[in-house]
């Protein structure tokens, strides 16, 4: 029984053959062509129940053809394929009215499932999006892991669904939140970001919900909170896992009732806000520990997104490095190129600080080395210096600190041919441990000393003093 007619357009004969066979086995009648003109002729004549098309064809770009097809046949589902696997490709496909975007190479079972769903769905109108240059996009990478992120962003463009973005520090959670805002229907409203980890616990409620004059000592005037500031737009709650329980209770009430009362106030305030939250912590584990409300978790976690660590998408490093080199050049830094051997060295690194660490390394190389070409030995030397401070990924058996100290002491004794070390061993050993430990925490937090001090469990002033005394460089970059 014929399940429907599929029109396939791709200038690659091999792909046309594979799709013809796969969709034919699924029960569809398939017509294939290698150009946009034939596809237009068939569709304008009323043929086909669904279109599967490549973007780049010899006679016309599919993104130019799709609006004409949608205008002529609004209910015709269109599935777009492309080897240009960037965020803008996914966004443009959604904006033009495509039902789905599949990056090449794709899984045939997935394509068949998409075709089946598309034939059961009706097209939805999309709001236009201003075109942007590829090198201006907030997210960079063509790996399979990033394709999944791009497709989720494209699907969420016209929704107000609450999103929780999880992932290790430095993976770009705020960039994803900004992309969801900038390409969504609230893009003309404000984007307000607030980090729960950077605000003293006693001030979080005032920061979020605002306060009235006289609400507490020092409150000399009314101050609107982040919810009011984000009215009509998006409120990004970074490190939501660090929110104290009292603030969690108030946030849950806001999400349920759509209104809140400023600290010290009596009248309720309403704010039309979309919530996007982010965390590097396991919220489910925090729930088990009694540190996070389960009902709030389910309110926030409508659409979960997990960002991959850089070690899981090493193939994106060349694109990321070129992107950071362009950014550095725009900021007035010297123009640089990078040789393949340098990129290979970067691909062998573990990148515990993820994309943030990569950006810091690129900026450091641009600023500190005079050669116009970044060479492999320079990168290898730079990464060797960082290797001592890399944290465990959990994928290998790391030695406990006691073993590392024993090895260090043994090395000191061996250097002295069995004699006892000179006095001051405690301070020297402590310095060997402190410097990489503090450097690691600063790398993970992107130079955020408040957060690094919290992780280490020390006073911020103590941390500043250690940074000065140990001569630890602090770099800022990827948010």
Protein backbone atom coordinates (compact mmCIF):
# COMPACT_ATOMS: atom_id res chain seq x y z
CA UNK A 1 0.00 0.00 0.00
CA UNK A 2 1.39 3.43 -0.98
CA UNK A 3 1.98 5.45 2.22
CA UNK A 4 2.53 8.68 0.29
CA UNK A 5 4.76 10.25 -2.35
CA UNK A 6 8.10 11.74 -1.34
CA UNK A 7 9.90 14.24 -3.58
CA UNK A 8 13.68 14.05 -3.07
CA UNK A 9 16.04 16.72 -4.39
CA UNK A 10 19.83 16.34 -4.06
CA UNK A 11 22.61 16.87 -6.59
CA UNK A 12 24.46 13.80 -5.24
CA UNK A 13 23.28 10.74 -7.19
CA UNK A 14 24.45 8.37 -4.47
CA UNK A 15 22.29 10.10 -1.85
CA UNK A 16 19.30 10.05 -4.18
CA UNK A 17 19.76 6.30 -4.65
CA UNK A 18 20.09 5.60 -0.93
CA UNK A 19 17.01 7.69 -0.07
CA UNK A 20 15.02 6.10 -2.89
CA UNK A 21 15.76 2.63 -1.52
CA UNK A 22 15.26 3.47 2.16
CA UNK A 23 11.98 5.35 1.70
CA UNK A 24 10.79 2.80 -0.84
CA UNK A 25 11.30 0.01 1.68
CA UNK A 26 9.23 2.03 4.15
CA UNK A 27 6.29 1.94 1.72
CA UNK A 28 6.58 5.36 0.08
CA UNK A 29 6.54 6.21 -3.60
CA UNK A 30 9.72 8.21 -4.24
CA UNK A 31 10.58 10.64 -7.06
CA UNK A 32 14.14 12.00 -7.16
CA UNK A 33 15.80 14.89 -8.94
CA UNK A 34 19.17 16.60 -8.89
CA UNK A 35 17.96 20.19 -9.28
CA UNK A 36 15.56 22.72 -7.78
CA UNK A 37 13.75 23.49 -11.05
CA UNK A 38 12.35 19.97 -11.35
CA UNK A 39 11.37 19.93 -7.69
CA UNK A 40 9.49 23.20 -8.18
CA UNK A 41 7.73 21.89 -11.29
CA UNK A 42 6.55 18.74 -9.51
CA UNK A 43 5.42 20.53 -6.35
CA UNK A 44 3.69 23.38 -8.19
CA UNK A 45 1.75 20.77 -10.16
CA UNK A 46 0.43 19.37 -6.88
CA UNK A 47 2.63 16.29 -6.81
CA UNK A 48 4.17 14.88 -3.65
CA UNK A 49 3.03 14.64 -0.05
CA UNK A 50 6.39 15.64 1.40
CA UNK A 51 9.70 17.11 0.20
CA UNK A 52 13.20 16.05 1.26
CA UNK A 53 15.74 18.48 -0.15
CA UNK A 54 19.38 19.41 0.08
CA UNK A 55 20.20 23.10 0.62
CA UNK A 56 22.88 23.64 -2.05
CA UNK A 57 21.81 22.57 -5.55
CA UNK A 58 23.25 23.53 -8.95
CA UNK A 59 20.51 25.94 -9.98
CA UNK A 60 19.10 27.35 -6.74
CA UNK A 61 19.54 27.38 -2.99
CA UNK A 62 16.73 25.51 -1.25
CA UNK A 63 16.34 28.31 1.28
CA UNK A 64 15.24 30.54 -1.59
CA UNK A 65 12.90 27.88 -2.99
CA UNK A 66 11.21 26.85 0.27
CA UNK A 67 9.31 30.15 0.84
CA UNK A 68 7.78 29.86 -2.64
CA UNK A 69 6.80 26.25 -1.96
CA UNK A 70 5.25 27.17 1.39
CA UNK A 71 3.33 30.06 -0.14
CA UNK A 72 1.96 27.83 -2.90
CA UNK A 73 1.37 24.78 -0.69
CA UNK A 74 1.35 25.79 3.01
CA UNK A 75 0.63 22.25 4.22
CA UNK A 76 3.48 20.61 2.30
CA UNK A 77 6.04 19.34 4.86
CA UNK A 78 9.66 20.00 3.89
CA UNK A 79 12.65 18.21 5.41
CA UNK A 80 15.98 19.95 4.81
CA UNK A 81 19.33 18.16 4.56
CA UNK A 82 22.67 19.96 4.65
CA UNK A 83 26.38 19.38 5.01
CA UNK A 84 26.74 23.02 6.16
CA UNK A 85 26.17 21.99 9.73
CA UNK A 86 26.03 25.28 11.62
CA UNK A 87 23.56 26.85 14.01
CA UNK A 88 22.50 29.30 11.27
CA UNK A 89 21.58 26.40 8.96
CA UNK A 90 19.23 24.96 11.58
CA UNK A 91 17.79 28.38 12.41
CA UNK A 92 17.27 29.33 8.75
CA UNK A 93 15.59 26.01 7.99
CA UNK A 94 13.11 26.60 10.82
CA UNK A 95 12.61 30.25 9.85
CA UNK A 96 11.86 29.36 6.23
CA UNK A 97 9.19 26.91 7.36
CA UNK A 98 10.96 23.55 7.12
CA UNK A 99 9.48 20.82 9.28
CA UNK A 100 12.89 19.42 10.23
CA UNK A 101 16.59 19.91 9.57
CA UNK A 102 18.91 16.90 9.31
CA UNK A 103 22.69 17.41 9.18
CA UNK A 104 24.65 15.22 6.79
CA UNK A 105 25.59 12.46 7.27
CA UNK A 106 22.27 11.38 8.78
CA UNK A 107 20.83 8.14 10.05
CA UNK A 108 18.35 6.59 7.60
CA UNK A 109 16.15 5.28 10.40
CA UNK A 110 15.95 8.79 11.82
CA UNK A 111 15.05 10.20 8.40
CA UNK A 112 12.30 7.64 7.95
CA UNK A 113 10.91 8.45 11.39
CA UNK A 114 10.98 12.19 10.62
CA UNK A 115 9.13 11.62 7.34
CA UNK A 116 6.47 9.59 9.14
CA UNK A 117 5.96 12.30 11.80
CA UNK A 118 5.96 15.10 9.22
CA UNK A 119 3.19 13.49 7.19
CA UNK A 120 1.05 13.46 10.32
CA UNK A 121 1.76 17.07 11.29
CA UNK A 122 0.55 20.41 10.01
CA UNK A 123 2.91 23.26 9.14
CA UNK A 124 3.25 26.16 11.54
CA UNK A 125 4.02 29.74 10.61
CA UNK A 126 7.39 31.03 11.75
CA UNK A 127 8.43 34.57 12.59
CA UNK A 128 11.21 35.98 10.41
CA UNK A 129 14.73 36.19 11.79
CA UNK A 130 17.29 38.76 10.78
CA UNK A 131 20.15 37.05 8.94
CA UNK A 132 23.52 37.01 10.65
CA UNK A 133 27.02 36.24 9.53
CA UNK A 134 28.23 32.76 10.41
CA UNK A 135 31.25 34.13 12.27
CA UNK A 136 28.97 36.29 14.44
CA UNK A 137 27.02 33.32 15.77
CA UNK A 138 27.30 32.63 19.50
CA UNK A 139 27.78 28.87 19.08
CA UNK A 140 30.50 27.31 16.96
CA UNK A 141 31.00 23.69 15.88
CA UNK A 142 29.85 21.16 13.33
CA UNK A 143 30.11 17.97 15.41
CA UNK A 144 27.18 15.61 15.84
CA UNK A 145 26.88 16.68 19.48
CA UNK A 146 26.47 20.33 18.49
CA UNK A 147 23.99 19.46 15.74
CA UNK A 148 21.67 18.11 18.42
CA UNK A 149 21.94 21.42 20.28
CA UNK A 150 21.25 23.45 17.13
CA UNK A 151 18.16 21.44 16.31
CA UNK A 152 16.73 21.85 19.81
CA UNK A 153 17.29 25.61 19.62
CA UNK A 154 15.55 25.72 16.25
CA UNK A 155 12.57 23.78 17.61
CA UNK A 156 12.24 26.06 20.64
CA UNK A 157 12.36 29.32 18.66
CA UNK A 158 8.64 30.04 18.81
CA UNK A 159 7.94 28.70 22.29
CA UNK A 160 8.12 30.07 25.83
CA UNK A 161 8.97 26.71 27.34
CA UNK A 162 11.21 26.75 30.40
CA UNK A 163 14.63 25.24 29.72
CA UNK A 164 17.31 23.83 32.03
CA UNK A 165 20.77 23.82 30.48
CA UNK A 166 23.25 21.52 32.20
CA UNK A 167 26.90 20.87 31.53
CA UNK A 168 30.36 21.30 32.92
CA UNK A 169 31.78 24.74 33.61
CA UNK A 170 33.05 26.44 30.47
CA UNK A 171 30.81 24.64 27.98
CA UNK A 172 28.88 27.79 27.05
CA UNK A 173 25.59 27.52 28.90
CA UNK A 174 24.96 31.27 28.85
CA UNK A 175 25.67 31.37 25.10
CA UNK A 176 22.97 28.75 24.52
CA UNK A 177 20.57 30.75 26.70
CA UNK A 178 21.32 33.88 24.67
CA UNK A 179 20.77 31.98 21.43
CA UNK A 180 17.39 30.75 22.68
CA UNK A 181 16.49 34.38 23.42
CA UNK A 182 18.05 36.05 20.37
CA UNK A 183 16.42 33.65 17.90
CA UNK A 184 13.11 33.34 19.77
CA UNK A 185 9.94 35.35 19.74
CA UNK A 186 11.09 37.37 22.79
CA UNK A 187 14.23 38.65 21.04
CA UNK A 188 12.96 42.26 21.12
CA UNK A 189 12.66 42.11 24.90
CA UNK A 190 15.46 42.24 27.46
CA UNK A 191 17.80 39.36 28.26
CA UNK A 192 18.69 39.53 31.95
CA UNK A 193 21.27 37.15 33.41
CA UNK A 194 21.89 36.55 37.10
CA UNK A 195 24.28 34.05 38.70
CA UNK A 196 23.05 32.45 41.89
CA UNK A 197 26.66 31.62 42.81
CA UNK A 198 27.83 35.24 42.62
CA UNK A 199 25.22 36.75 44.99
CA UNK A 200 25.43 36.51 48.78
CA UNK A 201 22.70 34.13 49.93
CA UNK A 202 21.03 36.78 52.08
CA UNK A 203 20.62 39.08 49.06
CA UNK A 204 19.31 36.60 46.47
CA UNK A 205 15.61 37.29 47.12
CA UNK A 206 16.15 41.04 46.89
CA UNK A 207 18.19 40.58 43.71
CA UNK A 208 15.49 38.46 42.06
CA UNK A 209 12.30 40.11 43.30
CA UNK A 210 13.47 43.61 44.21
CA UNK A 211 12.86 45.45 47.47
CA UNK A 212 10.95 48.41 48.80
CA UNK A 213 12.47 51.37 50.57
CA UNK A 214 13.24 50.52 54.17
CA UNK A 215 12.96 46.77 53.62
CA UNK A 216 16.33 46.30 55.34
CA UNK A 217 19.22 48.49 56.52
CA UNK A 218 20.69 50.29 53.55
CA UNK A 219 17.56 50.03 51.39
CA UNK A 220 17.21 53.77 50.86
CA UNK A 221 15.06 53.51 47.73
CA UNK A 222 12.86 51.05 45.90
CA UNK A 223 14.88 48.75 43.65
CA UNK A 224 13.34 46.54 40.94
CA UNK A 225 14.56 42.96 40.85
CA UNK A 226 15.69 40.85 37.93
CA UNK A 227 12.14 39.63 37.29
CA UNK A 228 10.88 43.17 36.71
CA UNK A 229 13.94 44.05 34.63
CA UNK A 230 13.29 41.03 32.38
CA UNK A 231 9.60 41.80 31.83
CA UNK A 232 8.69 40.89 28.24
CA UNK A 233 11.95 39.06 27.74
CA UNK A 234 14.08 36.27 29.18
CA UNK A 235 15.49 35.77 32.68
CA UNK A 236 18.56 33.53 32.75
CA UNK A 237 19.17 31.94 36.16
CA UNK A 238 22.75 30.71 36.06
CA UNK A 239 23.93 28.11 38.59
CA UNK A 240 20.37 27.61 39.79
CA UNK A 241 21.57 24.68 41.90
CA UNK A 242 23.22 27.19 44.26
CA UNK A 243 19.91 28.92 45.06
CA UNK A 244 19.01 28.74 48.78
CA UNK A 245 15.82 26.94 49.76
CA UNK A 246 13.95 30.11 50.77
CA UNK A 247 14.51 31.63 47.32
CA UNK A 248 13.55 28.33 45.70
CA UNK A 249 10.20 28.48 47.48
CA UNK A 250 9.53 32.01 46.24
CA UNK A 251 10.64 31.15 42.71
CA UNK A 252 8.26 28.19 42.64
CA UNK A 253 5.41 30.47 43.72
CA UNK A 254 6.25 32.92 40.93
CA UNK A 255 6.26 30.14 38.34
CA UNK A 256 2.93 28.85 39.62
CA UNK A 257 1.09 32.15 40.08
CA UNK A 258 2.88 34.50 37.69
CA UNK A 259 3.36 37.17 40.33
CA UNK A 260 5.58 38.01 43.30
CA UNK A 261 5.95 40.51 46.13
CA UNK A 262 9.17 42.54 46.48
CA UNK A 263 11.06 42.19 49.76
CA UNK A 264 9.38 44.48 52.27
CA UNK A 265 6.45 45.09 49.94
CA UNK A 266 2.73 44.47 50.25
CA UNK A 267 1.48 44.67 46.66
CA UNK A 268 2.03 41.88 44.18
CA UNK A 269 3.93 42.53 40.95
CA UNK A 270 3.41 40.62 37.72
CA UNK A 271 6.13 40.04 35.15
CA UNK A 272 5.84 38.30 31.79
CA UNK A 273 9.14 36.44 31.78
CA UNK A 274 10.53 33.34 30.16
CA UNK A 275 12.83 31.37 32.46
CA UNK A 276 16.01 29.66 31.27
CA UNK A 277 18.09 28.06 34.01
CA UNK A 278 21.58 26.57 33.93
CA UNK A 279 23.66 24.44 36.26
CA UNK A 280 26.87 22.45 36.30
CA UNK A 281 25.56 20.45 39.24
CA UNK A 282 23.32 17.35 39.23
CA UNK A 283 19.96 18.74 40.36
CA UNK A 284 18.54 15.26 40.93
CA UNK A 285 21.41 14.51 43.31
CA UNK A 286 20.75 17.81 45.10
CA UNK A 287 17.11 16.74 45.48
CA UNK A 288 18.23 13.50 47.16
CA UNK A 289 20.45 15.55 49.47
CA UNK A 290 17.55 17.81 50.41
CA UNK A 291 19.20 20.85 48.83
CA UNK A 292 16.82 21.42 45.92
CA UNK A 293 13.04 21.29 45.77
CA UNK A 294 11.72 18.47 43.64
CA UNK A 295 8.58 20.40 42.66
CA UNK A 296 10.72 23.33 41.49
CA UNK A 297 12.89 20.95 39.47
CA UNK A 298 9.89 19.66 37.57
CA UNK A 299 8.64 23.21 36.99
CA UNK A 300 11.99 24.25 35.52
CA UNK A 301 12.99 21.07 33.71
CA UNK A 302 10.34 21.25 30.97
CA UNK A 303 13.01 21.03 28.26
CA UNK A 304 16.38 19.70 29.45
CA UNK A 305 19.47 20.45 27.37
CA UNK A 306 22.88 18.99 28.21
CA UNK A 307 25.92 20.62 26.64
CA UNK A 308 28.78 18.30 25.69
CA UNK A 309 32.24 18.88 27.17
CA UNK A 310 34.93 19.86 24.68
CA UNK A 311 36.64 16.46 25.03
CA UNK A 312 33.51 14.92 23.46
CA UNK A 313 33.66 17.19 20.39
CA UNK A 314 37.36 17.58 19.65
CA UNK A 315 36.58 17.83 15.92
CA UNK A 316 35.16 21.30 16.63
CA UNK A 317 38.51 22.65 17.86
CA UNK A 318 39.67 24.01 14.44
CA UNK A 319 36.42 25.97 13.98
CA UNK A 320 36.54 27.23 17.57
CA UNK A 321 40.17 28.33 17.32
CA UNK A 322 39.57 30.22 14.08
CA UNK A 323 36.53 31.86 15.69
CA UNK A 324 38.56 33.01 18.70
CA UNK A 325 41.37 34.27 16.47
CA UNK A 326 38.84 36.43 14.59
CA UNK A 327 37.41 37.75 17.85
CA UNK A 328 40.88 38.64 19.10
CA UNK A 329 41.66 40.44 15.84
CA UNK A 330 38.42 42.46 16.05
CA UNK A 331 39.43 43.54 19.54
CA UNK A 332 42.67 45.02 18.21
CA UNK A 333 45.02 42.13 18.88
CA UNK A 334 47.53 41.00 16.20
CA UNK A 335 46.25 38.92 13.29
CA UNK A 336 47.37 35.31 13.66
CA UNK A 337 47.07 32.02 11.82
CA UNK A 338 47.54 28.55 13.27
CA UNK A 339 49.30 25.58 11.71
CA UNK A 340 47.79 22.07 11.57
CA UNK A 341 50.35 20.67 14.02
CA UNK A 342 49.16 23.20 16.62
CA UNK A 343 45.55 22.13 16.12
CA UNK A 344 46.61 18.48 16.47
CA UNK A 345 48.28 19.30 19.78
CA UNK A 346 45.08 20.95 20.97
CA UNK A 347 43.07 17.87 20.00
CA UNK A 348 45.28 15.75 22.26
CA UNK A 349 44.62 17.94 25.30
CA UNK A 350 41.92 16.99 27.85
CA UNK A 351 40.46 20.53 28.21
CA UNK A 352 39.11 20.28 31.77
CA UNK A 353 38.01 23.93 31.49
CA UNK A 354 36.24 23.19 28.20
CA UNK A 355 35.67 25.93 25.60
CA UNK A 356 36.39 28.67 28.13
CA UNK A 357 39.86 27.19 28.67
CA UNK A 358 40.42 26.91 24.91
CA UNK A 359 39.54 30.56 24.40
CA UNK A 360 41.88 31.62 27.19
CA UNK A 361 44.71 29.60 25.63
CA UNK A 362 44.10 31.13 22.19
CA UNK A 363 44.04 34.66 23.60
CA UNK A 364 47.22 33.99 25.56
CA UNK A 365 48.99 32.65 22.47
CA UNK A 366 47.93 35.67 20.43
CA UNK A 367 49.02 38.13 23.09
CA UNK A 368 52.32 36.62 24.24
CA UNK A 369 53.91 35.19 21.08
CA UNK A 370 55.21 37.46 18.36
CA UNK A 371 55.15 35.00 15.42
CA UNK A 372 52.28 35.54 12.99
CA UNK A 373 51.76 31.77 12.83
CA UNK A 374 51.00 29.80 15.98
CA UNK A 375 53.19 26.71 15.74
CA UNK A 376 52.73 23.24 17.14
CA UNK A 377 55.68 23.36 19.56
CA UNK A 378 54.40 26.62 21.07
CA UNK A 379 50.98 25.12 21.72
CA UNK A 380 52.45 21.88 23.06
CA UNK A 381 54.63 23.81 25.50
CA UNK A 382 51.72 25.97 26.61
CA UNK A 383 49.50 22.94 27.25
CA UNK A 384 52.27 21.08 29.10
CA UNK A 385 52.44 23.94 31.60
CA UNK A 386 48.70 23.60 32.20
CA UNK A 387 48.65 19.82 32.45
CA UNK A 388 49.58 19.77 36.16
CA UNK A 389 46.37 21.61 37.07
CA UNK A 390 43.94 19.48 35.09
CA UNK A 391 41.10 17.97 37.17
CA UNK A 392 39.90 14.42 36.84
CA UNK A 393 37.33 13.63 34.16
CA UNK A 394 36.12 10.63 36.12
CA UNK A 395 37.02 8.37 33.20
CA UNK A 396 40.38 7.24 34.57
CA UNK A 397 41.78 6.30 37.98
CA UNK A 398 43.34 9.48 39.38
CA UNK A 399 45.84 9.22 42.22
CA UNK A 400 44.75 10.53 45.63
CA UNK A 401 46.43 13.66 46.92
CA UNK A 402 48.38 11.65 49.52
CA UNK A 403 50.04 9.62 46.75
CA UNK A 404 50.99 12.76 44.85
CA UNK A 405 52.52 14.28 48.01
CA UNK A 406 54.45 11.09 48.74
CA UNK A 407 55.79 11.10 45.19
CA UNK A 408 56.81 14.75 45.49
CA UNK A 409 58.64 14.12 48.80
CA UNK A 410 60.32 11.03 47.36
CA UNK A 411 61.53 13.10 44.41
CA UNK A 412 62.95 15.74 46.76
CA UNK A 413 64.85 13.11 48.76
CA UNK A 414 66.16 11.45 45.59
CA UNK A 415 67.54 14.76 44.38
CA UNK A 416 69.52 14.98 47.64
CA UNK A 417 70.90 11.40 47.30
CA UNK A 418 69.07 10.18 50.35
CA UNK A 419 69.88 13.12 52.62
CA UNK A 420 67.12 14.97 54.44
CA UNK A 421 65.67 17.99 52.61
CA UNK A 422 66.53 21.49 53.72
CA UNK A 423 64.26 23.20 56.28
CA UNK A 424 61.09 24.76 54.93
CA UNK A 425 59.74 21.59 53.29
CA UNK A 426 56.19 22.29 54.53
CA UNK A 427 55.97 25.68 52.81
CA UNK A 428 57.56 24.36 49.62
CA UNK A 429 55.18 21.38 49.46
CA UNK A 430 52.15 23.55 50.22
CA UNK A 431 53.15 25.92 47.44
CA UNK A 432 53.44 23.02 44.96
CA UNK A 433 49.87 21.97 45.81
CA UNK A 434 48.28 25.41 46.18
CA UNK A 435 49.34 26.95 42.87
CA UNK A 436 47.84 24.29 40.53
CA UNK A 437 44.78 23.92 42.77
CA UNK A 438 43.96 27.64 42.67
CA UNK A 439 44.81 27.82 38.95
CA UNK A 440 42.44 24.94 38.26
CA UNK A 441 39.56 26.59 40.14
CA UNK A 442 40.13 29.93 38.40
CA UNK A 443 40.19 28.12 35.06
CA UNK A 444 36.92 26.36 35.81
CA UNK A 445 35.23 29.60 36.83
CA UNK A 446 36.67 31.68 33.98
CA UNK A 447 38.52 33.97 36.38
CA UNK A 448 35.50 34.48 38.69
CA UNK A 449 37.29 34.88 42.04
CA UNK A 450 34.07 34.89 44.06
CA UNK A 451 33.08 31.49 42.72
CA UNK A 452 36.63 30.13 42.95
CA UNK A 453 36.84 31.21 46.61
CA UNK A 454 33.52 29.47 47.29
CA UNK A 455 34.74 26.24 45.65
CA UNK A 456 37.98 26.34 47.61
CA UNK A 457 36.21 27.26 50.86
CA UNK A 458 38.39 30.30 51.54
CA UNK A 459 37.76 34.00 52.01
CA UNK A 460 37.91 36.07 48.81
CA UNK A 461 40.61 38.32 50.28
CA UNK A 462 42.64 35.23 51.17
CA UNK A 463 42.31 34.02 47.61
CA UNK A 464 43.44 37.39 46.24
CA UNK A 465 46.49 37.31 48.50
CA UNK A 466 47.33 33.78 47.34
CA UNK A 467 47.00 34.81 43.69
CA UNK A 468 49.49 37.63 44.27
CA UNK A 469 51.95 35.64 46.38
CA UNK A 470 51.93 32.61 44.07
CA UNK A 471 52.04 34.80 40.93
CA UNK A 472 49.01 33.07 39.40
CA UNK A 473 47.80 34.56 36.08
CA UNK A 474 44.05 35.23 35.84
CA UNK A 475 42.38 35.17 32.43
CA UNK A 476 38.79 36.01 31.55
CA UNK A 477 36.93 34.90 28.45
CA UNK A 478 34.30 32.39 27.48
CA UNK A 479 31.08 32.97 29.39
